[in-house]
Amino acid sequence: MTPEQFDDLVQEVVENLPEDFKDKFDNVAVVTEIWPTREDLQRGNVGRGMTLFGLYVGIPKTKRLNYSFVLPDKIKIFMGPIMQSVTSEQEARAQIRKTVLHEIGHHFGMNEEEVRKAMH
């Protein structure tokens, strides 16, 4: 899969999120990158042997007073780790959706444990 095809797949997943999410999901840019940087891995508290599929970068809604004159938060979706973990486009789509929803949980102020509980 090319980076352009992966980006299209991510955008398709975002566009097909439930309306409830999209209505509350403002001032957030979902971007694709090939691999996480060292800084991304540190921000995500990723240790050796662990994988980072996505990363929320911003101030959670629960900690923000307003959005006036604020740059958008960002959800990064990493192509390399995701594509290494799947064997088909269908699996990639499912992992991307799971990753986007996971990072949206962080946008809404959930910590890692709360997000994982909500996902199961």
PDB file of N, CA and C in Angstrom:
ATOM      1  N   MET A   1       0.852  -1.175   0.000  1.00  0.00           N
ATOM      2  CA  MET A   1       0.000   0.000   0.000  1.00  0.00           C
ATOM      3  C   MET A   1       0.895   1.235   0.000  1.00  0.00           C
ATOM      4  N   THR A   2       0.559   2.205  -0.832  1.00  0.00           N
ATOM      5  CA  THR A   2       1.340   3.439  -0.890  1.00  0.00           C
ATOM      6  C   THR A   2       0.912   4.371   0.245  1.00  0.00           C
ATOM      7  N   PRO A   3       1.753   5.351   0.577  1.00  0.00           N
ATOM      8  CA  PRO A   3       1.351   6.330   1.592  1.00  0.00           C
ATOM      9  C   PRO A   3       0.053   7.057   1.218  1.00  0.00           C
ATOM     10  N   GLU A   4      -0.140   7.331  -0.060  1.00  0.00           N
ATOM     11  CA  GLU A   4      -1.358   8.018  -0.502  1.00  0.00           C
ATOM     12  C   GLU A   4      -2.582   7.134  -0.272  1.00  0.00           C
ATOM     13  N   GLN A   5      -2.467   5.851  -0.574  1.00  0.00           N
ATOM     14  CA  GLN A   5      -3.577   4.921  -0.353  1.00  0.00           C
ATOM     15  C   GLN A   5      -3.876   4.781   1.137  1.00  0.00           C
ATOM     16  N   PHE A   6      -2.829   4.753   1.945  1.00  0.00           N
ATOM     17  CA  PHE A   6      -3.009   4.663   3.392  1.00  0.00           C
ATOM     18  C   PHE A   6      -3.721   5.912   3.904  1.00  0.00           C
ATOM     19  N   ASP A   7      -3.289   7.079   3.441  1.00  0.00           N
ATOM     20  CA  ASP A   7      -3.923   8.332   3.844  1.00  0.00           C
ATOM     21  C   ASP A   7      -5.399   8.334   3.448  1.00  0.00           C
ATOM     22  N   ASP A   8      -5.701   7.883   2.238  1.00  0.00           N
ATOM     23  CA  ASP A   8      -7.098   7.803   1.792  1.00  0.00           C
ATOM     24  C   ASP A   8      -7.905   6.889   2.709  1.00  0.00           C
ATOM     25  N   LEU A   9      -7.315   5.785   3.108  1.00  0.00           N
ATOM     26  CA  LEU A   9      -7.987   4.832   3.990  1.00  0.00           C
ATOM     27  C   LEU A   9      -8.261   5.463   5.355  1.00  0.00           C
ATOM     28  N   VAL A  10      -7.294   6.191   5.884  1.00  0.00           N
ATOM     29  CA  VAL A  10      -7.479   6.877   7.170  1.00  0.00           C
ATOM     30  C   VAL A  10      -8.602   7.904   7.052  1.00  0.00           C
ATOM     31  N   GLN A  11      -8.594   8.698   5.985  1.00  0.00           N
ATOM     32  CA  GLN A  11      -9.636   9.715   5.813  1.00  0.00           C
ATOM     33  C   GLN A  11     -11.012   9.071   5.664  1.00  0.00           C
ATOM     34  N   GLU A  12     -11.073   7.942   4.977  1.00  0.00           N
ATOM     35  CA  GLU A  12     -12.336   7.205   4.830  1.00  0.00           C
ATOM     36  C   GLU A  12     -12.847   6.743   6.192  1.00  0.00           C
ATOM     37  N   VAL A  13     -11.952   6.223   7.017  1.00  0.00           N
ATOM     38  CA  VAL A  13     -12.333   5.784   8.363  1.00  0.00           C
ATOM     39  C   VAL A  13     -12.870   6.966   9.167  1.00  0.00           C
ATOM     40  N   VAL A  14     -12.190   8.103   9.119  1.00  0.00           N
ATOM     41  CA  VAL A  14     -12.612   9.293   9.866  1.00  0.00           C
ATOM     42  C   VAL A  14     -13.980   9.768   9.376  1.00  0.00           C
ATOM     43  N   GLU A  15     -14.168   9.796   8.069  1.00  0.00           N
ATOM     44  CA  GLU A  15     -15.450  10.240   7.504  1.00  0.00           C
ATOM     45  C   GLU A  15     -16.593   9.318   7.898  1.00  0.00           C
ATOM     46  N   ASN A  16     -16.303   8.050   8.156  1.00  0.00           N
ATOM     47  CA  ASN A  16     -17.341   7.079   8.496  1.00  0.00           C
ATOM     48  C   ASN A  16     -17.521   6.870   9.998  1.00  0.00           C
ATOM     49  N   LEU A  17     -16.903   7.734  10.805  1.00  0.00           N
ATOM     50  CA  LEU A  17     -17.119   7.652  12.249  1.00  0.00           C
ATOM     51  C   LEU A  17     -18.574   7.991  12.553  1.00  0.00           C
ATOM     52  N   PRO A  18     -19.112   7.472  13.650  1.00  0.00           N
ATOM     53  CA  PRO A  18     -20.486   7.823  14.029  1.00  0.00           C
ATOM     54  C   PRO A  18     -20.636   9.341  14.178  1.00  0.00           C
ATOM     55  N   GLU A  19     -21.807   9.834  13.803  1.00  0.00           N
ATOM     56  CA  GLU A  19     -22.070  11.281  13.856  1.00  0.00           C
ATOM     57  C   GLU A  19     -21.832  11.859  15.248  1.00  0.00           C
ATOM     58  N   ASP A  20     -22.149  11.088  16.308  1.00  0.00           N
ATOM     59  CA  ASP A  20     -21.942  11.582  17.684  1.00  0.00           C
ATOM     60  C   ASP A  20     -20.494  12.004  17.894  1.00  0.00           C
ATOM     61  N   PHE A  21     -19.567  11.200  17.354  1.00  0.00           N
ATOM     62  CA  PHE A  21     -18.148  11.518  17.490  1.00  0.00           C
ATOM     63  C   PHE A  21     -17.804  12.750  16.668  1.00  0.00           C
ATOM     64  N   LYS A  22     -18.229  12.757  15.422  1.00  0.00           N
ATOM     65  CA  LYS A  22     -17.839  13.848  14.524  1.00  0.00           C
ATOM     66  C   LYS A  22     -18.343  15.193  15.026  1.00  0.00           C
ATOM     67  N   ASP A  23     -19.532  15.208  15.650  1.00  0.00           N
ATOM     68  CA  ASP A  23     -20.086  16.460  16.163  1.00  0.00           C
ATOM     69  C   ASP A  23     -19.239  17.034  17.298  1.00  0.00           C
ATOM     70  N   LYS A  24     -18.603  16.173  18.083  1.00  0.00           N
ATOM     71  CA  LYS A  24     -17.811  16.613  19.237  1.00  0.00           C
ATOM     72  C   LYS A  24     -16.318  16.646  18.948  1.00  0.00           C
ATOM     73  N   PHE A  25     -15.976  16.259  17.763  1.00  0.00           N
ATOM     74  CA  PHE A  25     -14.593  16.068  17.359  1.00  0.00           C
ATOM     75  C   PHE A  25     -14.135  17.285  16.561  1.00  0.00           C
ATOM     76  N   ASP A  26     -14.047  18.432  17.247  1.00  0.00           N
ATOM     77  CA  ASP A  26     -13.715  19.667  16.549  1.00  0.00           C
ATOM     78  C   ASP A  26     -12.286  20.099  16.861  1.00  0.00           C
ATOM     79  N   ASN A  27     -11.719  20.854  15.956  1.00  0.00           N
ATOM     80  CA  ASN A  27     -10.375  21.395  16.111  1.00  0.00           C
ATOM     81  C   ASN A  27      -9.326  20.296  16.293  1.00  0.00           C
ATOM     82  N   VAL A  28      -9.515  19.191  15.554  1.00  0.00           N
ATOM     83  CA  VAL A  28      -8.561  18.081  15.587  1.00  0.00           C
ATOM     84  C   VAL A  28      -8.230  17.689  14.153  1.00  0.00           C
ATOM     85  N   ALA A  29      -6.949  17.661  13.835  1.00  0.00           N
ATOM     86  CA  ALA A  29      -6.497  17.217  12.514  1.00  0.00           C
ATOM     87  C   ALA A  29      -6.011  15.778  12.635  1.00  0.00           C
ATOM     88  N   VAL A  30      -6.500  14.921  11.752  1.00  0.00           N
ATOM     89  CA  VAL A  30      -6.017  13.541  11.709  1.00  0.00           C
ATOM     90  C   VAL A  30      -5.030  13.462  10.555  1.00  0.00           C
ATOM     91  N   VAL A  31      -3.780  13.140  10.875  1.00  0.00           N
ATOM     92  CA  VAL A  31      -2.718  13.115   9.867  1.00  0.00           C
ATOM     93  C   VAL A  31      -2.058  11.740   9.853  1.00  0.00           C
ATOM     94  N   THR A  32      -1.471  11.417   8.706  1.00  0.00           N
ATOM     95  CA  THR A  32      -0.743  10.153   8.606  1.00  0.00           C
ATOM     96  C   THR A  32       0.746  10.433   8.492  1.00  0.00           C
ATOM     97  N   GLU A  33       1.515   9.578   9.103  1.00  0.00           N
ATOM     98  CA  GLU A  33       2.970   9.628   9.002  1.00  0.00           C
ATOM     99  C   GLU A  33       3.446   8.196   8.801  1.00  0.00           C
ATOM    100  N   ILE A  34       4.615   8.057   8.195  1.00  0.00           N
ATOM    101  CA  ILE A  34       5.116   6.714   7.919  1.00  0.00           C
ATOM    102  C   ILE A  34       5.528   6.017   9.220  1.00  0.00           C
ATOM    103  N   TRP A  35       6.390   6.641   9.990  1.00  0.00           N
ATOM    104  CA  TRP A  35       6.893   6.053  11.238  1.00  0.00           C
ATOM    105  C   TRP A  35       6.858   7.096  12.344  1.00  0.00           C
ATOM    106  N   PRO A  36       6.683   6.669  13.591  1.00  0.00           N
ATOM    107  CA  PRO A  36       6.789   7.613  14.702  1.00  0.00           C
ATOM    108  C   PRO A  36       8.241   8.051  14.893  1.00  0.00           C
ATOM    109  N   THR A  37       8.410   9.293  15.289  1.00  0.00           N
ATOM    110  CA  THR A  37       9.743   9.802  15.610  1.00  0.00           C
ATOM    111  C   THR A  37      10.114   9.351  17.026  1.00  0.00           C
ATOM    112  N   ARG A  38      11.345   9.571  17.388  1.00  0.00           N
ATOM    113  CA  ARG A  38      11.789   9.263  18.759  1.00  0.00           C
ATOM    114  C   ARG A  38      10.930  10.056  19.759  1.00  0.00           C
ATOM    115  N   GLU A  39      10.648  11.316  19.422  1.00  0.00           N
ATOM    116  CA  GLU A  39       9.813  12.152  20.292  1.00  0.00           C
ATOM    117  C   GLU A  39       8.399  11.571  20.415  1.00  0.00           C
ATOM    118  N   ASP A  40       7.845  11.087  19.301  1.00  0.00           N
ATOM    119  CA  ASP A  40       6.519  10.455  19.344  1.00  0.00           C
ATOM    120  C   ASP A  40       6.529   9.255  20.286  1.00  0.00           C
ATOM    121  N   LEU A  41       7.561   8.436  20.180  1.00  0.00           N
ATOM    122  CA  LEU A  41       7.666   7.244  21.030  1.00  0.00           C
ATOM    123  C   LEU A  41       7.761   7.631  22.503  1.00  0.00           C
ATOM    124  N   GLN A  42       8.501   8.711  22.791  1.00  0.00           N
ATOM    125  CA  GLN A  42       8.614   9.180  24.175  1.00  0.00           C
ATOM    126  C   GLN A  42       7.269   9.706  24.670  1.00  0.00           C
ATOM    127  N   ARG A  43       6.593  10.510  23.829  1.00  0.00           N
ATOM    128  CA  ARG A  43       5.280  11.040  24.214  1.00  0.00           C
ATOM    129  C   ARG A  43       4.278   9.927  24.476  1.00  0.00           C
ATOM    130  N   GLY A  44       4.375   8.865  23.675  1.00  0.00           N
ATOM    131  CA  GLY A  44       3.458   7.742  23.819  1.00  0.00           C
ATOM    132  C   GLY A  44       3.880   6.741  24.879  1.00  0.00           C
ATOM    133  N   ASN A  45       4.974   7.040  25.584  1.00  0.00           N
ATOM    134  CA  ASN A  45       5.504   6.135  26.620  1.00  0.00           C
ATOM    135  C   ASN A  45       5.700   4.719  26.086  1.00  0.00           C
ATOM    136  N   VAL A  46       6.278   4.638  24.901  1.00  0.00           N
ATOM    137  CA  VAL A  46       6.477   3.350  24.241  1.00  0.00           C
ATOM    138  C   VAL A  46       7.850   2.803  24.603  1.00  0.00           C
ATOM    139  N   GLY A  47       7.854   1.635  25.205  1.00  0.00           N
ATOM    140  CA  GLY A  47       9.106   0.997  25.588  1.00  0.00           C
ATOM    141  C   GLY A  47       9.612   0.056  24.509  1.00  0.00           C
ATOM    142  N   ARG A  48      10.758  -0.516  24.746  1.00  0.00           N
ATOM    143  CA  ARG A  48      11.349  -1.474  23.796  1.00  0.00           C
ATOM    144  C   ARG A  48      10.383  -2.623  23.537  1.00  0.00           C
ATOM    145  N   GLY A  49      10.318  -3.013  22.269  1.00  0.00           N
ATOM    146  CA  GLY A  49       9.466  -4.127  21.889  1.00  0.00           C
ATOM    147  C   GLY A  49       7.995  -3.778  21.764  1.00  0.00           C
ATOM    148  N   MET A  50       7.649  -2.513  22.013  1.00  0.00           N
ATOM    149  CA  MET A  50       6.262  -2.078  21.894  1.00  0.00           C
ATOM    150  C   MET A  50       6.078  -1.346  20.570  1.00  0.00           C
ATOM    151  N   THR A  51       4.835  -1.219  20.146  1.00  0.00           N
ATOM    152  CA  THR A  51       4.517  -0.585  18.873  1.00  0.00           C
ATOM    153  C   THR A  51       3.585   0.588  19.099  1.00  0.00           C
ATOM    154  N   LEU A  52       3.753   1.633  18.304  1.00  0.00           N
ATOM    155  CA  LEU A  52       2.885   2.806  18.377  1.00  0.00           C
ATOM    156  C   LEU A  52       2.142   2.945  17.052  1.00  0.00           C
ATOM    157  N   PHE A  53       0.821   2.731  17.085  1.00  0.00           N
ATOM    158  CA  PHE A  53       0.001   2.860  15.883  1.00  0.00           C
ATOM    159  C   PHE A  53      -0.498   4.288  15.687  1.00  0.00           C
ATOM    160  N   GLY A  54      -0.700   5.001  16.795  1.00  0.00           N
ATOM    161  CA  GLY A  54      -1.223   6.359  16.708  1.00  0.00           C
ATOM    162  C   GLY A  54      -0.842   7.149  17.938  1.00  0.00           C
ATOM    163  N   LEU A  55      -0.995   8.472  17.835  1.00  0.00           N
ATOM    164  CA  LEU A  55      -0.632   9.349  18.949  1.00  0.00           C
ATOM    165  C   LEU A  55      -1.509  10.589  18.922  1.00  0.00           C
ATOM    166  N   TYR A  56      -2.091  10.922  20.074  1.00  0.00           N
ATOM    167  CA  TYR A  56      -2.844  12.168  20.224  1.00  0.00           C
ATOM    168  C   TYR A  56      -1.889  13.230  20.742  1.00  0.00           C
ATOM    169  N   VAL A  57      -1.841  14.354  20.052  1.00  0.00           N
ATOM    170  CA  VAL A  57      -0.987  15.467  20.452  1.00  0.00           C
ATOM    171  C   VAL A  57      -1.886  16.684  20.635  1.00  0.00           C
ATOM    172  N   GLY A  58      -2.036  17.127  21.861  1.00  0.00           N
ATOM    173  CA  GLY A  58      -2.882  18.289  22.102  1.00  0.00           C
ATOM    174  C   GLY A  58      -3.294  18.367  23.554  1.00  0.00           C
ATOM    175  N   ILE A  59      -4.273  19.206  23.793  1.00  0.00           N
ATOM    176  CA  ILE A  59      -4.810  19.391  25.138  1.00  0.00           C
ATOM    177  C   ILE A  59      -6.203  18.764  25.153  1.00  0.00           C
ATOM    178  N   PRO A  60      -6.423  17.756  25.995  1.00  0.00           N
ATOM    179  CA  PRO A  60      -7.737  17.106  26.034  1.00  0.00           C
ATOM    180  C   PRO A  60      -8.858  18.108  26.313  1.00  0.00           C
ATOM    181  N   LYS A  61     -10.035  17.819  25.779  1.00  0.00           N
ATOM    182  CA  LYS A  61     -11.183  18.710  25.957  1.00  0.00           C
ATOM    183  C   LYS A  61     -11.473  18.970  27.431  1.00  0.00           C
ATOM    184  N   THR A  62     -11.211  18.004  28.276  1.00  0.00           N
ATOM    185  CA  THR A  62     -11.506  18.154  29.701  1.00  0.00           C
ATOM    186  C   THR A  62     -10.564  19.142  30.393  1.00  0.00           C
ATOM    187  N   LYS A  63      -9.461  19.488  29.738  1.00  0.00           N
ATOM    188  CA  LYS A  63      -8.492  20.403  30.347  1.00  0.00           C
ATOM    189  C   LYS A  63      -8.423  21.749  29.633  1.00  0.00           C
ATOM    190  N   ARG A  64      -9.237  21.912  28.608  1.00  0.00           N
ATOM    191  CA  ARG A  64      -9.174  23.132  27.808  1.00  0.00           C
ATOM    192  C   ARG A  64     -10.386  24.001  28.124  1.00  0.00           C
ATOM    193  N   LEU A  65     -10.131  25.290  28.296  1.00  0.00           N
ATOM    194  CA  LEU A  65     -11.226  26.204  28.604  1.00  0.00           C
ATOM    195  C   LEU A  65     -11.972  26.643  27.349  1.00  0.00           C
ATOM    196  N   ASN A  66     -11.231  26.924  26.270  1.00  0.00           N
ATOM    197  CA  ASN A  66     -11.886  27.297  25.017  1.00  0.00           C
ATOM    198  C   ASN A  66     -10.946  27.010  23.857  1.00  0.00           C
ATOM    199  N   TYR A  67     -11.441  27.190  22.649  1.00  0.00           N
ATOM    200  CA  TYR A  67     -10.649  26.896  21.459  1.00  0.00           C
ATOM    201  C   TYR A  67     -10.269  28.159  20.693  1.00  0.00           C
ATOM    202  N   SER A  68     -10.494  29.318  21.252  1.00  0.00           N
ATOM    203  CA  SER A  68     -10.194  30.558  20.541  1.00  0.00           C
ATOM    204  C   SER A  68      -8.710  30.675  20.241  1.00  0.00           C
ATOM    205  N   PHE A  69      -8.399  30.892  18.991  1.00  0.00           N
ATOM    206  CA  PHE A  69      -7.025  31.137  18.536  1.00  0.00           C
ATOM    207  C   PHE A  69      -6.056  30.016  18.932  1.00  0.00           C
ATOM    208  N   VAL A  70      -6.531  28.797  18.920  1.00  0.00           N
ATOM    209  CA  VAL A  70      -5.709  27.653  19.291  1.00  0.00           C
ATOM    210  C   VAL A  70      -5.460  26.807  18.047  1.00  0.00           C
ATOM    211  N   LEU A  71      -4.204  26.408  17.855  1.00  0.00           N
ATOM    212  CA  LEU A  71      -3.909  25.492  16.756  1.00  0.00           C
ATOM    213  C   LEU A  71      -4.656  24.188  16.992  1.00  0.00           C
ATOM    214  N   PRO A  72      -5.011  23.484  15.921  1.00  0.00           N
ATOM    215  CA  PRO A  72      -5.740  22.226  16.122  1.00  0.00           C
ATOM    216  C   PRO A  72      -4.894  21.184  16.847  1.00  0.00           C
ATOM    217  N   ASP A  73      -5.573  20.370  17.641  1.00  0.00           N
ATOM    218  CA  ASP A  73      -4.926  19.183  18.179  1.00  0.00           C
ATOM    219  C   ASP A  73      -4.649  18.272  16.994  1.00  0.00           C
ATOM    220  N   LYS A  74      -3.848  17.246  17.230  1.00  0.00           N
ATOM    221  CA  LYS A  74      -3.470  16.370  16.124  1.00  0.00           C
ATOM    222  C   LYS A  74      -3.549  14.916  16.570  1.00  0.00           C
ATOM    223  N   ILE A  75      -4.090  14.098  15.699  1.00  0.00           N
ATOM    224  CA  ILE A  75      -4.015  12.652  15.871  1.00  0.00           C
ATOM    225  C   ILE A  75      -3.137  12.144  14.743  1.00  0.00           C
ATOM    226  N   LYS A  76      -2.015  11.539  15.120  1.00  0.00           N
ATOM    227  CA  LYS A  76      -1.095  10.973  14.129  1.00  0.00           C
ATOM    228  C   LYS A  76      -1.378   9.479  14.013  1.00  0.00           C
ATOM    229  N   ILE A  77      -1.524   9.010  12.781  1.00  0.00           N
ATOM    230  CA  ILE A  77      -1.707   7.588  12.509  1.00  0.00           C
ATOM    231  C   ILE A  77      -0.479   7.123  11.734  1.00  0.00           C
ATOM    232  N   PHE A  78       0.197   6.100  12.240  1.00  0.00           N
ATOM    233  CA  PHE A  78       1.480   5.669  11.677  1.00  0.00           C
ATOM    234  C   PHE A  78       1.326   4.455  10.762  1.00  0.00           C
ATOM    235  N   MET A  79       1.648   4.665   9.499  1.00  0.00           N
ATOM    236  CA  MET A  79       1.493   3.646   8.474  1.00  0.00           C
ATOM    237  C   MET A  79       2.383   2.423   8.708  1.00  0.00           C
ATOM    238  N   GLY A  80       3.659   2.644   8.964  1.00  0.00           N
ATOM    239  CA  GLY A  80       4.609   1.540   9.079  1.00  0.00           C
ATOM    240  C   GLY A  80       4.198   0.499  10.103  1.00  0.00           C
ATOM    241  N   PRO A  81       3.992   0.901  11.355  1.00  0.00           N
ATOM    242  CA  PRO A  81       3.612  -0.080  12.369  1.00  0.00           C
ATOM    243  C   PRO A  81       2.287  -0.782  12.067  1.00  0.00           C
ATOM    244  N   ILE A  82       1.322  -0.025  11.559  1.00  0.00           N
ATOM    245  CA  ILE A  82       0.027  -0.644  11.257  1.00  0.00           C
ATOM    246  C   ILE A  82       0.172  -1.666  10.142  1.00  0.00           C
ATOM    247  N   MET A  83       0.843  -1.283   9.060  1.00  0.00           N
ATOM    248  CA  MET A  83       0.944  -2.191   7.913  1.00  0.00           C
ATOM    249  C   MET A  83       1.794  -3.417   8.236  1.00  0.00           C
ATOM    250  N   GLN A  84       2.730  -3.289   9.176  1.00  0.00           N
ATOM    251  CA  GLN A  84       3.522  -4.457   9.586  1.00  0.00           C
ATOM    252  C   GLN A  84       2.695  -5.437  10.414  1.00  0.00           C
ATOM    253  N   SER A  85       1.602  -4.963  10.986  1.00  0.00           N
ATOM    254  CA  SER A  85       0.817  -5.809  11.886  1.00  0.00           C
ATOM    255  C   SER A  85      -0.394  -6.458  11.218  1.00  0.00           C
ATOM    256  N   VAL A  86      -0.647  -6.126   9.944  1.00  0.00           N
ATOM    257  CA  VAL A  86      -1.835  -6.651   9.262  1.00  0.00           C
ATOM    258  C   VAL A  86      -1.441  -7.411   8.002  1.00  0.00           C
ATOM    259  N   THR A  87      -2.399  -8.181   7.482  1.00  0.00           N
ATOM    260  CA  THR A  87      -2.124  -8.943   6.262  1.00  0.00           C
ATOM    261  C   THR A  87      -3.071  -8.600   5.119  1.00  0.00           C
ATOM    262  N   SER A  88      -4.018  -7.680   5.361  1.00  0.00           N
ATOM    263  CA  SER A  88      -4.960  -7.319   4.302  1.00  0.00           C
ATOM    264  C   SER A  88      -5.441  -5.886   4.495  1.00  0.00           C
ATOM    265  N   GLU A  89      -6.048  -5.346   3.451  1.00  0.00           N
ATOM    266  CA  GLU A  89      -6.606  -3.995   3.549  1.00  0.00           C
ATOM    267  C   GLU A  89      -7.740  -3.965   4.568  1.00  0.00           C
ATOM    268  N   GLN A  90      -8.506  -5.035   4.633  1.00  0.00           N
ATOM    269  CA  GLN A  90      -9.605  -5.115   5.596  1.00  0.00           C
ATOM    270  C   GLN A  90      -9.064  -5.044   7.031  1.00  0.00           C
ATOM    271  N   GLU A  91      -7.997  -5.767   7.308  1.00  0.00           N
ATOM    272  CA  GLU A  91      -7.375  -5.707   8.637  1.00  0.00           C
ATOM    273  C   GLU A  91      -6.803  -4.318   8.898  1.00  0.00           C
ATOM    274  N   ALA A  92      -6.216  -3.701   7.867  1.00  0.00           N
ATOM    275  CA  ALA A  92      -5.668  -2.348   8.017  1.00  0.00           C
ATOM    276  C   ALA A  92      -6.782  -1.376   8.377  1.00  0.00           C
ATOM    277  N   ARG A  93      -7.906  -1.463   7.668  1.00  0.00           N
ATOM    278  CA  ARG A  93      -9.043  -0.575   7.944  1.00  0.00           C
ATOM    279  C   ARG A  93      -9.514  -0.751   9.391  1.00  0.00           C
ATOM    280  N   ALA A  94      -9.617  -1.997   9.842  1.00  0.00           N
ATOM    281  CA  ALA A  94     -10.066  -2.267  11.213  1.00  0.00           C
ATOM    282  C   ALA A  94      -9.076  -1.709  12.237  1.00  0.00           C
ATOM    283  N   GLN A  95      -7.775  -1.884  11.992  1.00  0.00           N
ATOM    284  CA  GLN A  95      -6.765  -1.379  12.930  1.00  0.00           C
ATOM    285  C   GLN A  95      -6.741   0.143  12.929  1.00  0.00           C
ATOM    286  N   ILE A  96      -6.896   0.750  11.764  1.00  0.00           N
ATOM    287  CA  ILE A  96      -6.938   2.216  11.686  1.00  0.00           C
ATOM    288  C   ILE A  96      -8.130   2.733  12.476  1.00  0.00           C
ATOM    289  N   ARG A  97      -9.294   2.126  12.293  1.00  0.00           N
ATOM    290  CA  ARG A  97     -10.499   2.562  13.010  1.00  0.00           C
ATOM    291  C   ARG A  97     -10.285   2.443  14.523  1.00  0.00           C
ATOM    292  N   LYS A  98      -9.761   1.308  14.943  1.00  0.00           N
ATOM    293  CA  LYS A  98      -9.491   1.093  16.370  1.00  0.00           C
ATOM    294  C   LYS A  98      -8.514   2.144  16.899  1.00  0.00           C
ATOM    295  N   THR A  99      -7.484   2.452  16.120  1.00  0.00           N
ATOM    296  CA  THR A  99      -6.474   3.425  16.538  1.00  0.00           C
ATOM    297  C   THR A  99      -7.061   4.827  16.606  1.00  0.00           C
ATOM    298  N   VAL A 100      -7.840   5.212  15.596  1.00  0.00           N
ATOM    299  CA  VAL A 100      -8.463   6.541  15.595  1.00  0.00           C
ATOM    300  C   VAL A 100      -9.387   6.677  16.806  1.00  0.00           C
ATOM    301  N   LEU A 101     -10.221   5.681  17.058  1.00  0.00           N
ATOM    302  CA  LEU A 101     -11.122   5.739  18.214  1.00  0.00           C
ATOM    303  C   LEU A 101     -10.343   5.804  19.524  1.00  0.00           C
ATOM    304  N   HIS A 102      -9.247   5.068  19.609  1.00  0.00           N
ATOM    305  CA  HIS A 102      -8.390   5.092  20.797  1.00  0.00           C
ATOM    306  C   HIS A 102      -7.867   6.512  21.042  1.00  0.00           C
ATOM    307  N   GLU A 103      -7.357   7.140  19.993  1.00  0.00           N
ATOM    308  CA  GLU A 103      -6.791   8.485  20.141  1.00  0.00           C
ATOM    309  C   GLU A 103      -7.879   9.524  20.403  1.00  0.00           C
ATOM    310  N   ILE A 104      -9.075   9.323  19.858  1.00  0.00           N
ATOM    311  CA  ILE A 104     -10.200  10.216  20.165  1.00  0.00           C
ATOM    312  C   ILE A 104     -10.512  10.142  21.657  1.00  0.00           C
ATOM    313  N   GLY A 105     -10.384   8.953  22.228  1.00  0.00           N
ATOM    314  CA  GLY A 105     -10.582   8.816  23.672  1.00  0.00           C
ATOM    315  C   GLY A 105      -9.654   9.732  24.446  1.00  0.00           C
ATOM    316  N   HIS A 106      -8.406   9.825  24.014  1.00  0.00           N
ATOM    317  CA  HIS A 106      -7.458  10.740  24.668  1.00  0.00           C
ATOM    318  C   HIS A 106      -7.888  12.192  24.464  1.00  0.00           C
ATOM    319  N   HIS A 107      -8.407  12.512  23.289  1.00  0.00           N
ATOM    320  CA  HIS A 107      -8.905  13.869  23.016  1.00  0.00           C
ATOM    321  C   HIS A 107     -10.013  14.233  24.004  1.00  0.00           C
ATOM    322  N   PHE A 108     -10.832  13.262  24.377  1.00  0.00           N
ATOM    323  CA  PHE A 108     -11.923  13.498  25.319  1.00  0.00           C
ATOM    324  C   PHE A 108     -11.482  13.391  26.774  1.00  0.00           C
ATOM    325  N   GLY A 109     -10.161  13.247  27.001  1.00  0.00           N
ATOM    326  CA  GLY A 109      -9.630  13.300  28.354  1.00  0.00           C
ATOM    327  C   GLY A 109      -9.437  11.963  29.039  1.00  0.00           C
ATOM    328  N   MET A 110      -9.612  10.873  28.315  1.00  0.00           N
ATOM    329  CA  MET A 110      -9.441   9.550  28.918  1.00  0.00           C
ATOM    330  C   MET A 110      -7.961   9.190  28.981  1.00  0.00           C
ATOM    331  N   ASN A 111      -7.554   8.552  30.081  1.00  0.00           N
ATOM    332  CA  ASN A 111      -6.172   8.076  30.163  1.00  0.00           C
ATOM    333  C   ASN A 111      -6.077   6.719  29.460  1.00  0.00           C
ATOM    334  N   GLU A 112      -4.887   6.172  29.404  1.00  0.00           N
ATOM    335  CA  GLU A 112      -4.660   4.926  28.655  1.00  0.00           C
ATOM    336  C   GLU A 112      -5.539   3.783  29.167  1.00  0.00           C
ATOM    337  N   GLU A 113      -5.615   3.636  30.475  1.00  0.00           N
ATOM    338  CA  GLU A 113      -6.416   2.553  31.054  1.00  0.00           C
ATOM    339  C   GLU A 113      -7.900   2.727  30.725  1.00  0.00           C
ATOM    340  N   GLU A 114      -8.397   3.955  30.840  1.00  0.00           N
ATOM    341  CA  GLU A 114      -9.809   4.216  30.536  1.00  0.00           C
ATOM    342  C   GLU A 114     -10.123   3.954  29.066  1.00  0.00           C
ATOM    343  N   VAL A 115      -9.205   4.345  28.186  1.00  0.00           N
ATOM    344  CA  VAL A 115      -9.411   4.104  26.756  1.00  0.00           C
ATOM    345  C   VAL A 115      -9.462   2.607  26.487  1.00  0.00           C
ATOM    346  N   ARG A 116      -8.536   1.875  27.048  1.00  0.00           N
ATOM    347  CA  ARG A 116      -8.507   0.415  26.810  1.00  0.00           C
ATOM    348  C   ARG A 116      -9.771  -0.259  27.326  1.00  0.00           C
ATOM    349  N   LYS A 117     -10.255   0.166  28.493  1.00  0.00           N
ATOM    350  CA  LYS A 117     -11.504  -0.398  29.025  1.00  0.00           C
ATOM    351  C   LYS A 117     -12.672  -0.086  28.095  1.00  0.00           C
ATOM    352  N   ALA A 118     -12.735   1.141  27.623  1.00  0.00           N
ATOM    353  CA  ALA A 118     -13.834   1.558  26.746  1.00  0.00           C
ATOM    354  C   ALA A 118     -13.809   0.824  25.412  1.00  0.00           C
ATOM    355  N   MET A 119     -12.624   0.428  24.969  1.00  0.00           N
ATOM    356  CA  MET A 119     -12.487  -0.239  23.675  1.00  0.00           C
ATOM    357  C   MET A 119     -12.903  -1.708  23.757  1.00  0.00           C
ATOM    358  N   HIS A 120     -13.022  -2.249  24.956  1.00  0.00           N
ATOM    359  CA  HIS A 120     -13.363  -3.683  25.079  1.00  0.00           C
ATOM    360  C   HIS A 120     -14.748  -3.875  25.578  1.00  0.00           C
TER     361      HIS A 120
END
